[in-house]
């Protein structure tokens, strides 16, 4: 069964479908410079198959390809994904010192 990835800017989310089923959602806020990834969610019946990771990977690739935004990983899952993929750290928004 094939996967369909989509950016739904009117809903401020990326989605991943498996066939006709919505399996995972990544909510974001985009201020024109930074995409704050605020929540990764996988439908409970589809958990444990790596769908959220696949969705984050595709969303990051989409943002990277556009080349006009950086990412702020507000969601813990997205922050963990970036920690596991240090090769993508160049896409992260600079953090301010406290």
N, C-alpha and C. Protein backbone atom coordinates (compact mmCIF):
# COMPACT_ATOMS: atom_id res chain seq x y z
N UNK A 1 0.85 -1.17 0.00
CA UNK A 1 0.00 0.00 0.00
C UNK A 1 0.90 1.24 0.00
N UNK A 2 0.53 2.24 -0.76
CA UNK A 2 1.37 3.42 -0.89
C UNK A 2 1.04 4.50 0.14
N UNK A 3 2.03 5.33 0.39
CA UNK A 3 1.89 6.45 1.31
C UNK A 3 1.73 7.74 0.52
N UNK A 4 0.93 8.64 1.07
CA UNK A 4 0.76 9.96 0.48
C UNK A 4 1.13 10.99 1.54
N UNK A 5 2.08 11.85 1.20
CA UNK A 5 2.53 12.92 2.07
C UNK A 5 1.95 14.23 1.53
N UNK A 6 1.47 15.08 2.42
CA UNK A 6 0.93 16.36 1.97
C UNK A 6 1.21 17.45 2.99
N UNK A 7 1.46 18.64 2.47
CA UNK A 7 1.50 19.84 3.29
C UNK A 7 0.14 20.50 3.12
N UNK A 8 -0.54 20.74 4.22
CA UNK A 8 -1.85 21.39 4.20
C UNK A 8 -1.71 22.75 4.89
N UNK A 9 -1.19 23.77 4.17
CA UNK A 9 -0.91 25.06 4.81
C UNK A 9 -2.14 25.74 5.40
N UNK A 10 -3.30 25.55 4.83
CA UNK A 10 -4.51 26.15 5.38
C UNK A 10 -4.85 25.58 6.76
N UNK A 11 -4.43 24.36 7.02
CA UNK A 11 -4.65 23.72 8.32
C UNK A 11 -3.38 23.74 9.18
N UNK A 12 -2.28 24.29 8.64
CA UNK A 12 -0.99 24.35 9.33
C UNK A 12 -0.55 22.96 9.79
N UNK A 13 -0.53 22.02 8.83
CA UNK A 13 -0.11 20.68 9.18
C UNK A 13 0.41 19.93 7.96
N UNK A 14 1.27 18.97 8.26
CA UNK A 14 1.68 17.96 7.28
C UNK A 14 0.92 16.70 7.64
N UNK A 15 0.59 15.91 6.63
CA UNK A 15 -0.12 14.65 6.89
C UNK A 15 0.54 13.50 6.13
N UNK A 16 0.35 12.31 6.66
CA UNK A 16 0.79 11.08 6.01
C UNK A 16 -0.40 10.13 5.99
N UNK A 17 -0.77 9.71 4.80
CA UNK A 17 -1.86 8.75 4.61
C UNK A 17 -1.28 7.44 4.10
N UNK A 18 -1.86 6.35 4.54
CA UNK A 18 -1.56 5.02 4.00
C UNK A 18 -2.83 4.58 3.30
N UNK A 19 -2.80 4.61 1.99
CA UNK A 19 -4.03 4.39 1.24
C UNK A 19 -5.00 5.52 1.56
N UNK A 20 -6.19 5.18 1.99
CA UNK A 20 -7.20 6.18 2.36
C UNK A 20 -7.14 6.57 3.83
N UNK A 21 -6.29 5.91 4.61
CA UNK A 21 -6.25 6.14 6.06
C UNK A 21 -5.23 7.21 6.44
N UNK A 22 -5.68 8.18 7.23
CA UNK A 22 -4.76 9.15 7.83
C UNK A 22 -4.04 8.44 8.96
N UNK A 23 -2.70 8.40 8.88
CA UNK A 23 -1.95 7.68 9.91
C UNK A 23 -1.18 8.61 10.84
N UNK A 24 -0.74 9.78 10.34
CA UNK A 24 0.05 10.66 11.18
C UNK A 24 -0.10 12.11 10.74
N UNK A 25 0.00 13.02 11.73
CA UNK A 25 -0.16 14.46 11.51
C UNK A 25 0.99 15.17 12.21
N UNK A 26 1.52 16.21 11.57
CA UNK A 26 2.53 17.07 12.17
C UNK A 26 2.03 18.51 12.07
N UNK A 27 1.63 19.06 13.21
CA UNK A 27 1.14 20.44 13.25
C UNK A 27 2.31 21.41 13.31
N UNK A 28 2.12 22.58 12.72
CA UNK A 28 3.18 23.59 12.74
C UNK A 28 2.60 25.00 12.73
N UNK A 29 3.48 25.94 13.08
CA UNK A 29 3.19 27.37 12.93
C UNK A 29 4.31 27.94 12.07
N UNK A 30 3.95 28.68 11.05
CA UNK A 30 4.92 29.24 10.12
C UNK A 30 4.80 30.76 10.14
N UNK A 31 5.87 31.43 10.58
CA UNK A 31 5.82 32.90 10.65
C UNK A 31 6.52 33.57 9.46
N UNK A 32 6.86 32.76 8.44
CA UNK A 32 7.52 33.31 7.26
C UNK A 32 9.03 33.17 7.30
N UNK A 33 9.58 32.90 8.47
CA UNK A 33 11.02 32.67 8.63
C UNK A 33 11.30 31.32 9.30
N UNK A 34 10.43 30.99 10.26
CA UNK A 34 10.62 29.79 11.07
C UNK A 34 9.36 28.95 11.07
N UNK A 35 9.54 27.64 10.90
CA UNK A 35 8.43 26.70 11.03
C UNK A 35 8.58 26.04 12.40
N UNK A 36 7.69 26.38 13.32
CA UNK A 36 7.68 25.77 14.64
C UNK A 36 6.84 24.50 14.56
N UNK A 37 7.50 23.36 14.68
CA UNK A 37 6.79 22.08 14.65
C UNK A 37 6.29 21.81 16.06
N UNK A 38 4.97 21.90 16.22
CA UNK A 38 4.39 21.94 17.56
C UNK A 38 3.83 20.61 18.07
N UNK A 39 3.45 19.70 17.16
CA UNK A 39 2.87 18.44 17.64
C UNK A 39 2.94 17.39 16.55
N UNK A 40 3.53 16.25 16.90
CA UNK A 40 3.50 15.08 16.03
C UNK A 40 2.53 14.09 16.65
N UNK A 41 1.63 13.56 15.84
CA UNK A 41 0.60 12.66 16.35
C UNK A 41 0.39 11.53 15.36
N UNK A 42 0.34 10.32 15.87
CA UNK A 42 0.00 9.16 15.05
C UNK A 42 -1.29 8.56 15.60
N UNK A 43 -2.21 8.25 14.71
CA UNK A 43 -3.46 7.61 15.10
C UNK A 43 -3.11 6.32 15.87
N UNK A 44 -3.71 6.12 17.05
CA UNK A 44 -3.31 5.00 17.90
C UNK A 44 -3.23 3.63 17.21
N UNK A 45 -4.14 3.33 16.32
CA UNK A 45 -4.11 2.01 15.67
C UNK A 45 -2.92 1.85 14.73
N UNK A 46 -2.23 2.94 14.41
CA UNK A 46 -1.08 2.88 13.49
C UNK A 46 0.25 3.11 14.19
N UNK A 47 0.25 3.25 15.51
CA UNK A 47 1.48 3.50 16.25
C UNK A 47 2.41 2.30 16.23
N UNK A 48 3.70 2.59 16.39
CA UNK A 48 4.69 1.53 16.47
C UNK A 48 5.26 1.10 15.14
N UNK A 49 4.96 1.82 14.08
CA UNK A 49 5.45 1.46 12.75
C UNK A 49 6.38 2.51 12.15
N UNK A 50 6.73 3.54 12.92
CA UNK A 50 7.64 4.57 12.44
C UNK A 50 7.02 5.63 11.56
N UNK A 51 5.69 5.72 11.57
CA UNK A 51 5.02 6.68 10.69
C UNK A 51 5.31 8.13 11.08
N UNK A 52 5.38 8.44 12.37
CA UNK A 52 5.68 9.81 12.79
C UNK A 52 7.08 10.20 12.32
N UNK A 53 8.03 9.29 12.45
CA UNK A 53 9.39 9.55 11.97
C UNK A 53 9.44 9.78 10.48
N UNK A 54 8.69 8.99 9.75
CA UNK A 54 8.60 9.15 8.29
C UNK A 54 8.01 10.51 7.95
N UNK A 55 6.99 10.91 8.68
CA UNK A 55 6.34 12.20 8.42
C UNK A 55 7.29 13.35 8.73
N UNK A 56 7.99 13.29 9.85
CA UNK A 56 8.95 14.35 10.19
C UNK A 56 10.05 14.41 9.13
N UNK A 57 10.55 13.26 8.72
CA UNK A 57 11.59 13.21 7.67
C UNK A 57 11.12 13.92 6.41
N UNK A 58 9.92 13.61 5.98
CA UNK A 58 9.40 14.22 4.75
C UNK A 58 9.13 15.71 4.92
N UNK A 59 8.65 16.12 6.09
CA UNK A 59 8.39 17.54 6.35
C UNK A 59 9.71 18.32 6.36
N UNK A 60 10.70 17.78 7.02
CA UNK A 60 12.02 18.43 7.06
C UNK A 60 12.59 18.54 5.65
N UNK A 61 12.47 17.49 4.87
CA UNK A 61 12.95 17.53 3.48
C UNK A 61 12.22 18.59 2.67
N UNK A 62 10.92 18.72 2.90
CA UNK A 62 10.13 19.73 2.19
C UNK A 62 10.61 21.14 2.55
N UNK A 63 10.82 21.39 3.82
CA UNK A 63 11.28 22.70 4.27
C UNK A 63 12.69 22.97 3.75
N UNK A 64 13.53 21.97 3.81
CA UNK A 64 14.90 22.11 3.32
C UNK A 64 14.93 22.41 1.83
N UNK A 65 14.08 21.73 1.07
CA UNK A 65 14.03 21.95 -0.37
C UNK A 65 13.58 23.37 -0.69
N UNK A 66 12.61 23.89 0.04
CA UNK A 66 12.15 25.26 -0.19
C UNK A 66 13.26 26.25 0.09
N UNK A 67 14.06 25.99 1.12
CA UNK A 67 15.25 26.77 1.39
C UNK A 67 15.03 28.16 1.98
N UNK A 68 13.82 28.47 2.41
CA UNK A 68 13.56 29.83 2.91
C UNK A 68 13.09 29.85 4.36
N UNK A 69 13.21 28.73 5.07
CA UNK A 69 12.75 28.64 6.45
C UNK A 69 13.74 27.81 7.27
N UNK A 70 13.71 28.02 8.58
CA UNK A 70 14.40 27.15 9.52
C UNK A 70 13.34 26.50 10.40
N UNK A 71 13.73 25.51 11.17
CA UNK A 71 12.79 24.75 11.99
C UNK A 71 13.05 24.99 13.47
N UNK A 72 11.98 25.18 14.21
CA UNK A 72 12.02 25.21 15.67
C UNK A 72 11.27 23.97 16.16
N UNK A 73 11.98 23.01 16.74
CA UNK A 73 11.33 21.76 17.17
C UNK A 73 10.68 21.90 18.55
N UNK A 74 9.50 22.49 18.58
CA UNK A 74 8.77 22.69 19.83
C UNK A 74 8.31 21.35 20.40
N UNK A 75 7.85 20.47 19.58
CA UNK A 75 7.37 19.14 19.99
C UNK A 75 8.56 18.27 20.41
N UNK A 76 8.42 17.56 21.51
CA UNK A 76 9.51 16.71 22.01
C UNK A 76 9.90 15.65 20.98
N UNK A 77 8.93 15.12 20.26
CA UNK A 77 9.23 14.07 19.28
C UNK A 77 10.12 14.63 18.17
N UNK A 78 9.79 15.81 17.70
CA UNK A 78 10.58 16.43 16.64
C UNK A 78 11.98 16.77 17.16
N UNK A 79 12.08 17.25 18.40
CA UNK A 79 13.39 17.53 18.99
C UNK A 79 14.22 16.25 19.07
N UNK A 80 13.60 15.15 19.49
CA UNK A 80 14.30 13.86 19.54
C UNK A 80 14.72 13.41 18.14
N UNK A 81 13.86 13.65 17.14
CA UNK A 81 14.19 13.27 15.77
C UNK A 81 15.44 14.03 15.30
N UNK A 82 15.50 15.33 15.57
CA UNK A 82 16.67 16.11 15.18
C UNK A 82 17.92 15.64 15.94
N UNK A 83 17.78 15.26 17.21
CA UNK A 83 18.91 14.75 17.98
C UNK A 83 19.45 13.46 17.36
N UNK A 84 18.56 12.66 16.80
CA UNK A 84 18.95 11.40 16.16
C UNK A 84 19.46 11.60 14.74
N UNK A 85 19.28 12.80 14.19
CA UNK A 85 19.70 13.11 12.82
C UNK A 85 20.54 14.39 12.81
N UNK A 86 21.73 14.35 13.43
CA UNK A 86 22.55 15.56 13.54
C UNK A 86 22.95 16.14 12.18
N UNK A 87 22.90 15.33 11.14
CA UNK A 87 23.22 15.83 9.80
C UNK A 87 22.20 16.86 9.31
N UNK A 88 21.06 16.95 9.97
CA UNK A 88 20.02 17.92 9.59
C UNK A 88 20.02 19.15 10.50
N UNK A 89 20.96 19.25 11.43
CA UNK A 89 21.00 20.32 12.42
C UNK A 89 21.13 21.71 11.78
N UNK A 90 21.66 21.80 10.58
CA UNK A 90 21.79 23.08 9.91
C UNK A 90 20.46 23.74 9.61
N UNK A 91 19.40 22.99 9.69
CA UNK A 91 18.06 23.52 9.43
C UNK A 91 17.40 24.07 10.69
N UNK A 92 18.02 23.85 11.85
CA UNK A 92 17.43 24.30 13.10
C UNK A 92 17.59 25.80 13.31
N UNK A 93 16.57 26.41 13.86
CA UNK A 93 16.63 27.83 14.22
C UNK A 93 17.65 28.00 15.34
N UNK A 94 18.38 29.10 15.29
CA UNK A 94 19.35 29.39 16.35
C UNK A 94 18.60 29.63 17.65
N UNK A 95 19.11 29.07 18.72
CA UNK A 95 18.49 29.26 20.03
C UNK A 95 19.12 30.46 20.71
N UNK A 96 18.28 31.21 21.40
CA UNK A 96 18.77 32.36 22.15
C UNK A 96 19.29 31.89 23.51
N UNK A 97 20.37 32.49 23.94
CA UNK A 97 20.89 32.20 25.26
C UNK A 97 19.99 32.82 26.31
N UNK A 98 19.80 32.12 27.41
CA UNK A 98 18.93 32.65 28.48
C UNK A 98 19.67 33.59 29.37
